[in-house]
C-alpha atoms as a PDB file:
ATOM      1  CA  MET A   1      73.838 251.228  16.652  1.00  0.00           C
ATOM      2  CA  THR A   2      71.983 251.440  13.125  1.00  0.00           C
ATOM      3  CA  ILE A   3      74.908 249.359  11.492  1.00  0.00           C
ATOM      4  CA  PHE A   4      74.530 246.649  14.428  1.00  0.00           C
ATOM      5  CA  ILE A   5      71.367 246.313  13.756  1.00  0.00           C
ATOM      6  CA  LEU A   6      70.986 245.542  10.013  1.00  0.00           C
ATOM      7  CA  VAL A   7      74.299 243.394  10.787  1.00  0.00           C
ATOM      8  CA  SER A   8      72.682 241.649  12.993  1.00  0.00           C
ATOM      9  CA  ILE A   9      69.031 240.878  10.952  1.00  0.00           C
ATOM     10  CA  LEU A  10      71.569 239.863   8.074  1.00  0.00           C
ATOM     11  CA  LEU A  11      73.243 237.003  10.236  1.00  0.00           C
ATOM     12  CA  VAL A  12      69.422 236.235  11.395  1.00  0.00           C
ATOM     13  CA  ALA A  13      68.063 235.808   8.078  1.00  0.00           C
ATOM     14  CA  ALA A  14      71.416 233.834   7.229  1.00  0.00           C
ATOM     15  CA  LEU A  15      70.959 231.485   9.880  1.00  0.00           C
ATOM     16  CA  ALA A  16      67.255 231.591   8.907  1.00  0.00           C
ATOM     17  CA  ILE A  17      67.793 230.529   5.195  1.00  0.00           C
ATOM     18  CA  ALA A  18      70.386 228.058   6.725  1.00  0.00           C
ATOM     19  CA  LEU A  19      68.445 226.007   8.962  1.00  0.00           C
ATOM     20  CA  LEU A  20      65.360 226.442   6.140  1.00  0.00           C
ATOM     21  CA  MET A  21      67.461 224.671   3.495  1.00  0.00           C
ATOM     22  CA  SER A  22      68.588 222.000   5.489  1.00  0.00           C
ATOM     23  CA  VAL A  23      65.277 220.793   5.628  1.00  0.00           C
ATOM     24  CA  SER A  24      64.245 221.794   2.089  1.00  0.00           C
ATOM     25  CA  PRO A  25      62.927 219.272   0.045  1.00  0.00           C
ATOM     26  CA  ALA A  26      65.260 220.813  -3.001  1.00  0.00           C
ATOM     27  CA  SER A  27      67.838 219.462  -4.648  1.00  0.00           C
ATOM     28  CA  GLN A  28      71.188 217.957  -2.886  1.00  0.00           C
ATOM     29  CA  LYS A  29      73.232 220.355  -5.546  1.00  0.00           C
ATOM     30  CA  VAL A  30      71.015 223.409  -4.725  1.00  0.00           C
ATOM     31  CA  LYS A  31      71.486 223.056  -0.805  1.00  0.00           C
ATOM     32  CA  VAL A  32      75.023 222.833  -1.070  1.00  0.00           C
ATOM     33  CA  ARG A  33      76.217 225.162  -3.602  1.00  0.00           C
ATOM     34  CA  THR A  34      73.511 227.641  -1.352  1.00  0.00           C
ATOM     35  CA  MET A  35      75.549 226.676   2.049  1.00  0.00           C
ATOM     36  CA  TYR A  36      78.753 227.078  -0.161  1.00  0.00           C
ATOM     37  CA  VAL A  37      77.454 230.479  -0.951  1.00  0.00           C
ATOM     38  CA  GLY A  38      76.516 231.343   2.593  1.00  0.00           C
ATOM     39  CA  ALA A  39      79.609 230.303   4.086  1.00  0.00           C
ATOM     40  CA  ALA A  40      81.617 232.744   1.661  1.00  0.00           C
ATOM     41  CA  LEU A  41      79.266 235.385   2.412  1.00  0.00           C
ATOM     42  CA  MET A  42      79.641 234.522   6.354  1.00  0.00           C
ATOM     43  CA  LEU A  43      83.400 235.341   5.745  1.00  0.00           C
ATOM     44  CA  VAL A  44      83.270 238.769   3.642  1.00  0.00           C
ATOM     45  CA  VAL A  45      81.098 239.807   6.780  1.00  0.00           C
ATOM     46  CA  ALA A  46      83.539 238.514   9.318  1.00  0.00           C
ATOM     47  CA  LEU A  47      86.205 240.131   7.831  1.00  0.00           C
ATOM     48  CA  ILE A  48      84.417 243.712   7.263  1.00  0.00           C
ATOM     49  CA  VAL A  49      83.468 243.491  10.960  1.00  0.00           C
ATOM     50  CA  CYS A  50      86.782 243.228  11.540  1.00  0.00           C
ATOM     51  CA  ASP A  51      88.292 245.807  10.196  1.00  0.00           C
ATOM     52  CA  TYR A  52      84.815 248.102  11.595  1.00  0.00           C
ATOM     53  CA  ILE A  53      85.921 246.992  15.407  1.00  0.00           C
ATOM     54  CA  ASP A  54      89.148 248.625  15.260  1.00  0.00           C
ATOM     55  CA  THR A  55      87.185 252.096  14.394  1.00  0.00           C
ATOM     56  CA  LEU A  56      85.183 251.751  17.168  1.00  0.00           C
ATOM     57  CA  PRO A  57      86.067 254.419  20.160  1.00  0.00           C
ATOM     58  CA  ASP A  58      84.548 252.846  23.051  1.00  0.00           C
ATOM     59  CA  PHE A  59      84.571 249.332  24.790  1.00  0.00           C
ATOM     60  CA  PRO A  60      80.736 248.632  24.829  1.00  0.00           C
ATOM     61  CA  SER A  61      80.410 249.402  20.838  1.00  0.00           C
ATOM     62  CA  LYS A  62      83.519 246.870  20.665  1.00  0.00           C
ATOM     63  CA  PHE A  63      81.914 243.868  22.595  1.00  0.00           C
ATOM     64  CA  ARG A  64      78.760 244.027  20.678  1.00  0.00           C
ATOM     65  CA  PHE A  65      80.339 243.848  16.976  1.00  0.00           C
ATOM     66  CA  HIS A  66      82.554 240.865  18.692  1.00  0.00           C
ATOM     67  CA  ALA A  67      79.628 239.478  19.306  1.00  0.00           C
ATOM     68  CA  VAL A  68      78.307 239.834  16.032  1.00  0.00           C
ATOM     69  CA  LEU A  69      81.794 238.388  14.336  1.00  0.00           C
ATOM     70  CA  VAL A  70      80.983 235.289  16.921  1.00  0.00           C
ATOM     71  CA  LEU A  71      77.458 234.628  15.501  1.00  0.00           C
ATOM     72  CA  THR A  72      78.739 235.264  11.952  1.00  0.00           C
ATOM     73  CA  VAL A  73      81.748 232.548  12.253  1.00  0.00           C
ATOM     74  CA  ALA A  74      78.890 229.947  13.698  1.00  0.00           C
ATOM     75  CA  VAL A  75      76.449 230.651  11.110  1.00  0.00           C
ATOM     76  CA  GLY A  76      79.667 230.637   7.938  1.00  0.00           C
ATOM     77  CA  TYR A  77      80.558 227.053  10.199  1.00  0.00           C
ATOM     78  CA  LEU A  78      76.859 226.161  10.176  1.00  0.00           C
ATOM     79  CA  CYS A  79      76.692 226.527   6.100  1.00  0.00           C
ATOM     80  CA  ILE A  80      79.482 224.283   5.791  1.00  0.00           C
ATOM     81  CA  ALA A  81      78.479 221.556   8.417  1.00  0.00           C
ATOM     82  CA  ILE A  82      75.132 221.306   6.532  1.00  0.00           C
ATOM     83  CA  ALA A  83      76.795 220.987   2.968  1.00  0.00           C
ATOM     84  CA  CYS A  84      78.987 218.297   4.328  1.00  0.00           C
ATOM     85  CA  MET A  85      75.993 216.412   6.047  1.00  0.00           C
ATOM     86  CA  GLU A  86      73.666 216.836   2.771  1.00  0.00           C
ATOM     87  CA  LYS A  87      77.026 215.558   0.783  1.00  0.00           C
ATOM     88  CA  TYR A  88      77.207 212.396   3.225  1.00  0.00           C
ATOM     89  CA  ASN A  89      73.536 211.862   3.070  1.00  0.00           C
ATOM     90  CA  VAL A  90      73.463 211.479  -0.341  1.00  0.00           C
ATOM     91  CA  LEU A  91      76.961 209.292  -0.100  1.00  0.00           C
ATOM     92  CA  LYS A  92      75.145 206.779   2.133  1.00  0.00           C
ATOM     93  CA  ARG A  93      72.453 206.824  -0.126  1.00  0.00           C
ATOM     94  CA  LYS A  94      74.158 205.409  -2.916  1.00  0.00           C
ATOM     95  CA  ASN A  95      75.695 202.850  -0.502  1.00  0.00           C
ATOM     96  CA  ARG A  96      73.010 201.710   0.586  1.00  0.00           C
ATOM     97  CA  VAL A  97      71.296 201.421  -2.799  1.00  0.00           C
ATOM     98  CA  LEU A  98      74.736 199.771  -4.090  1.00  0.00           C
ATOM     99  CA  GLU A  99      74.415 197.326  -1.445  1.00  0.00           C
ATOM    100  CA  GLU A 100      70.810 196.278  -1.752  1.00  0.00           C
ATOM    101  CA  ALA A 101      71.561 195.773  -5.230  1.00  0.00           C
ATOM    102  CA  LEU A 102      74.746 193.483  -4.774  1.00  0.00           C
ATOM    103  CA  THR A 103      72.849 191.197  -2.290  1.00  0.00           C
ATOM    104  CA  GLU A 104      69.944 191.019  -4.369  1.00  0.00           C
ATOM    105  CA  LYS A 105      72.771 190.361  -7.288  1.00  0.00           C
ATOM    106  CA  GLU A 106      74.199 187.537  -5.008  1.00  0.00           C
ATOM    107  CA  GLN A 107      71.238 186.053  -4.063  1.00  0.00           C
ATOM    108  CA  GLU A 108      70.205 185.705  -7.838  1.00  0.00           C
ATOM    109  CA  LYS A 109      73.430 183.863  -8.081  1.00  0.00           C
ATOM    110  CA  VAL A 110      73.014 181.467  -5.342  1.00  0.00           C
ATOM    111  CA  SER A 111      69.113 180.462  -6.180  1.00  0.00           C
ATOM    112  CA  ILE A 112      71.174 179.840  -9.754  1.00  0.00           C
ATOM    113  CA  LEU A 113      73.583 177.990  -8.422  1.00  0.00           C
ATOM    114  CA  MET A 114      70.687 175.901  -5.750  1.00  0.00           C
ATOM    115  CA  GLU A 115      68.670 175.310  -8.736  1.00  0.00           C
ATOM    116  CA  ARG A 116      71.413 174.194 -10.835  1.00  0.00           C
ATOM    117  CA  GLN A 117      72.456 172.097  -8.074  1.00  0.00           C
ATOM    118  CA  SER A 118      69.363 170.740  -7.502  1.00  0.00           C
ATOM    119  CA  GLU A 119      68.764 169.660 -11.442  1.00  0.00           C
ATOM    120  CA  GLN A 120      72.476 168.380 -11.160  1.00  0.00           C
ATOM    121  CA  GLN A 121      71.422 165.867  -8.452  1.00  0.00           C
ATOM    122  CA  ALA A 122      68.028 165.207 -10.190  1.00  0.00           C
ATOM    123  CA  LEU A 123      69.835 163.939 -12.842  1.00  0.00           C
ATOM    124  CA  GLN A 124      72.495 162.073 -10.664  1.00  0.00           C
ATOM    125  CA  LYS A 125      69.821 160.316  -9.001  1.00  0.00           C
ATOM    126  CA  GLY A 126      67.690 159.331 -12.053  1.00  0.00           C
ATOM    127  CA  GLU A 127      70.506 158.176 -13.730  1.00  0.00           C
ATOM    128  CA  LEU A 128      72.097 156.090 -10.674  1.00  0.00           C
ATOM    129  CA  GLU A 129      68.499 154.510 -10.375  1.00  0.00           C
ATOM    130  CA  TRP A 130      68.742 153.416 -13.653  1.00  0.00           C
ATOM    131  CA  PHE A 131      72.163 152.310 -13.088  1.00  0.00           C
ATOM    132  CA  ALA A 132      70.934 149.842 -10.136  1.00  0.00           C
ATOM    133  CA  GLU A 133      68.039 148.365 -12.503  1.00  0.00           C
ATOM    134  CA  LYS A 134      70.788 147.301 -14.879  1.00  0.00           C
ATOM    135  CA  ILE A 135      72.951 145.711 -12.659  1.00  0.00           C
ATOM    136  CA  LYS A 136      70.767 143.357 -10.511  1.00  0.00           C
ATOM    137  CA  MET A 137      71.874 140.179 -11.799  1.00  0.00           C
ATOM    138  CA  PHE A 138      74.764 140.963  -9.651  1.00  0.00           C
ATOM    139  CA  SER A 139      74.215 139.796  -5.709  1.00  0.00           C
ATOM    140  CA  GLU A 140      73.133 142.115  -3.420  1.00  0.00           C
ATOM    141  CA  GLU A 141      76.214 142.389  -1.534  1.00  0.00           C
ATOM    142  CA  GLU A 142      78.043 143.081  -4.915  1.00  0.00           C
ATOM    143  CA  GLN A 143      75.372 145.599  -6.080  1.00  0.00           C
ATOM    144  CA  LYS A 144      75.682 147.623  -2.856  1.00  0.00           C
ATOM    145  CA  ALA A 145      79.418 147.826  -3.256  1.00  0.00           C
ATOM    146  CA  ILE A 146      79.127 148.962  -7.002  1.00  0.00           C
ATOM    147  CA  LEU A 147      76.895 151.585  -5.841  1.00  0.00           C
ATOM    148  CA  ALA A 148      78.562 153.043  -3.245  1.00  0.00           C
ATOM    149  CA  SER A 149      81.852 153.216  -5.389  1.00  0.00           C
ATOM    150  CA  ALA A 150      79.107 154.653  -8.369  1.00  0.00           C
ATOM    151  CA  TYR A 151      77.796 157.542  -5.631  1.00  0.00           C
ATOM    152  CA  ALA A 152      81.214 158.378  -4.536  1.00  0.00           C
ATOM    153  CA  PHE A 153      82.209 158.632  -8.322  1.00  0.00           C
ATOM    154  CA  ALA A 154      79.158 160.515  -9.128  1.00  0.00           C
ATOM    155  CA  GLU A 155      79.140 163.283  -6.618  1.00  0.00           C
ATOM    156  CA  HIS A 156      82.812 163.881  -5.890  1.00  0.00           C
ATOM    157  CA  ASP A 157      84.282 162.653  -8.663  1.00  0.00           C
ATOM    158  CA  LEU A 158      86.414 159.917  -6.587  1.00  0.00           C
ATOM    159  CA  ILE A 159      86.822 156.515  -7.573  1.00  0.00           C
ATOM    160  CA  LEU A 160      86.675 154.371  -5.235  1.00  0.00           C
ATOM    161  CA  PRO A 161      87.572 150.310  -5.136  1.00  0.00           C
ATOM    162  CA  PRO A 162      84.256 148.327  -3.613  1.00  0.00           C
ATOM    163  CA  SER A 163      84.660 146.851  -0.376  1.00  0.00           C
ATOM    164  CA  ILE A 164      84.220 143.553  -1.849  1.00  0.00           C
ATOM    165  CA  THR A 165      85.812 142.077  -4.909  1.00  0.00           C
ATOM    166  CA  ILE A 166      83.173 142.145  -8.166  1.00  0.00           C
ATOM    167  CA  GLN A 167      83.379 138.754 -10.178  1.00  0.00           C
ATOM    168  CA  SER A 168      82.237 138.084 -13.731  1.00  0.00           C
ATOM    169  CA  ASN A 169      78.495 137.514 -13.810  1.00  0.00           C
ATOM    170  CA  GLU A 170      77.247 135.173 -16.963  1.00  0.00           C
ATOM    171  CA  MET A 171      74.553 137.613 -17.242  1.00  0.00           C
ATOM    172  CA  CYS A 172      76.284 140.623 -18.070  1.00  0.00           C
ATOM    173  CA  SER A 173      78.835 140.612 -20.810  1.00  0.00           C
ATOM    174  CA  GLN A 174      81.749 143.223 -20.872  1.00  0.00           C
ATOM    175  CA  GLN A 175      79.907 144.656 -23.696  1.00  0.00           C
ATOM    176  CA  GLU A 176      76.862 145.274 -21.676  1.00  0.00           C
ATOM    177  CA  LEU A 177      78.568 146.326 -18.305  1.00  0.00           C
ATOM    178  CA  MET A 178      80.687 149.234 -20.514  1.00  0.00           C
ATOM    179  CA  TYR A 179      77.268 150.568 -21.817  1.00  0.00           C
ATOM    180  CA  TYR A 180      75.345 150.897 -18.535  1.00  0.00           C
ATOM    181  CA  VAL A 181      78.383 152.362 -17.017  1.00  0.00           C
ATOM    182  CA  TYR A 182      79.325 154.729 -19.709  1.00  0.00           C
ATOM    183  CA  SER A 183      75.501 155.412 -20.158  1.00  0.00           C
ATOM    184  CA  ALA A 184      75.090 156.448 -16.627  1.00  0.00           C
ATOM    185  CA  PHE A 185      77.925 158.770 -16.161  1.00  0.00           C
ATOM    186  CA  SER A 186      78.186 159.935 -19.834  1.00  0.00           C
ATOM    187  CA  ASN A 187      74.653 161.808 -19.320  1.00  0.00           C
ATOM    188  CA  MET A 188      76.114 163.162 -16.017  1.00  0.00           C
ATOM    189  CA  GLY A 189      79.010 164.588 -17.975  1.00  0.00           C
ATOM    190  CA  LYS A 190      81.664 162.816 -16.495  1.00  0.00           C
ATOM    191  CA  LYS A 191      84.932 162.808 -18.833  1.00  0.00           C
ATOM    192  CA  ARG A 192      85.242 159.557 -20.717  1.00  0.00           C
ATOM    193  CA  SER A 193      88.776 158.487 -19.537  1.00  0.00           C
ATOM    194  CA  ASP A 194      87.406 159.214 -15.562  1.00  0.00           C
ATOM    195  CA  THR A 195      84.687 156.965 -17.168  1.00  0.00           C
ATOM    196  CA  VAL A 196      87.281 154.287 -17.959  1.00  0.00           C
ATOM    197  CA  SER A 197      89.094 154.215 -15.378  1.00  0.00           C
ATOM    198  CA  PHE A 198      86.083 153.724 -12.733  1.00  0.00           C
ATOM    199  CA  LEU A 199      85.402 150.656 -14.636  1.00  0.00           C
ATOM    200  CA  CYS A 200      88.529 148.839 -14.265  1.00  0.00           C
ATOM    201  CA  GLN A 201      89.336 149.810 -10.530  1.00  0.00           C
ATOM    202  CA  VAL A 202      85.472 148.489  -9.644  1.00  0.00           C
ATOM    203  CA  PHE A 203      84.971 145.673 -12.120  1.00  0.00           C
ATOM    204  CA  LYS A 204      88.872 144.268 -11.970  1.00  0.00           C
ATOM    205  CA  ALA A 205      87.697 140.789 -13.176  1.00  0.00           C
ATOM    206  CA  TYR A 206      85.915 142.543 -16.100  1.00  0.00           C
ATOM    207  CA  PHE A 207      89.045 144.159 -17.531  1.00  0.00           C
ATOM    208  CA  PRO A 208      91.721 142.516 -17.183  1.00  0.00           C
ATOM    209  CA  ALA A 209      93.865 143.958 -19.980  1.00  0.00           C
ATOM    210  CA  GLY A 210      94.167 147.866 -18.523  1.00  0.00           C
ATOM    211  CA  GLU A 211      92.431 151.301 -19.232  1.00  0.00           C
ATOM    212  CA  ALA A 212      93.967 151.037 -22.897  1.00  0.00           C
ATOM    213  CA  SER A 213      92.020 148.316 -23.846  1.00  0.00           C
ATOM    214  CA  VAL A 214      89.026 149.400 -22.627  1.00  0.00           C
ATOM    215  CA  SER A 215      88.937 152.611 -23.881  1.00  0.00           C
ATOM    216  CA  LYS A 216      89.300 151.079 -27.172  1.00  0.00           C
ATOM    217  CA  LYS A 217      86.374 149.898 -26.743  1.00  0.00           C
ATOM    218  CA  MET A 218      84.158 152.209 -24.979  1.00  0.00           C
ATOM    219  CA  PRO A 219      81.533 154.037 -26.781  1.00  0.00           C
ATOM    220  CA  GLY A 220      82.295 157.539 -28.516  1.00  0.00           C
ATOM    221  CA  LEU A 221      80.425 160.741 -28.294  1.00  0.00           C
ATOM    222  CA  ASP A 222      77.395 159.394 -28.661  1.00  0.00           C
ATOM    223  CA  LYS A 223      75.207 158.826 -25.191  1.00  0.00           C
ATOM    224  CA  ALA A 224      74.405 155.600 -24.608  1.00  0.00           C
ATOM    225  CA  HIS A 225      71.051 156.039 -22.640  1.00  0.00           C
ATOM    226  CA  PRO A 226      67.659 154.815 -23.732  1.00  0.00           C
ATOM    227  CA  THR A 227      66.629 158.246 -23.697  1.00  0.00           C
ATOM    228  CA  PHE A 228      69.536 158.867 -27.024  1.00  0.00           C
ATOM    229  CA  GLY A 229      69.164 155.444 -28.691  1.00  0.00           C
ATOM    230  CA  VAL A 230      70.910 152.656 -27.800  1.00  0.00           C
ATOM    231  CA  ILE A 231      74.362 152.092 -30.039  1.00  0.00           C
ATOM    232  CA  THR A 232      76.526 149.316 -30.862  1.00  0.00           C
ATOM    233  CA  LEU A 233      79.449 148.445 -29.279  1.00  0.00           C
ATOM    234  CA  SER A 234      82.328 146.152 -30.832  1.00  0.00           C
ATOM    235  CA  ASP A 235      85.096 144.550 -29.307  1.00  0.00           C
END
């Protein structure tokens, strides 16, 4: 009877320690290691109780120690469950921190991308407004057709021929037209070859000789916008 009481007290104490450790502010490593040690001790106690039960002479004593054995196994499983729960909680916290960091990083990337897009759109708007000011010598209908093609080229890199044929205008020479177009689209970062294609498709009447001829007359690497200074074109 004395052994039964001592073992019962030991198990109750182990159960109390396990429950207190589960809510303790101790570190995760301390909790997990303590629970594993407790589970190991419960295994040793269970083996000792099993051997002791076989030596008992009467059924009531065996029944009491069977109850002790069940409690021992339950405490051992509880220790393992608490250890696993602690590991799961730590992993969950790490995943949450990682998700928050990734979300913050993605939001930062989106903000940077939107800022760049806004800057690019502002640049395009400014250059196209400057270009629209420079082609006012054409008729209103021709200006609308030219600007529609210019917007498509600026925003989508699409070179769409205008809805009407753009006739040569004596108030705008071939050199001036190349200057206006190259200045606007060069500042937007458009390729020289694409700008040449834009000129030849939108202003066919100005450049009947084709893209090879226009490419030789186009400005060099220097940008032609007034902000950077006017360059001199030669035939």
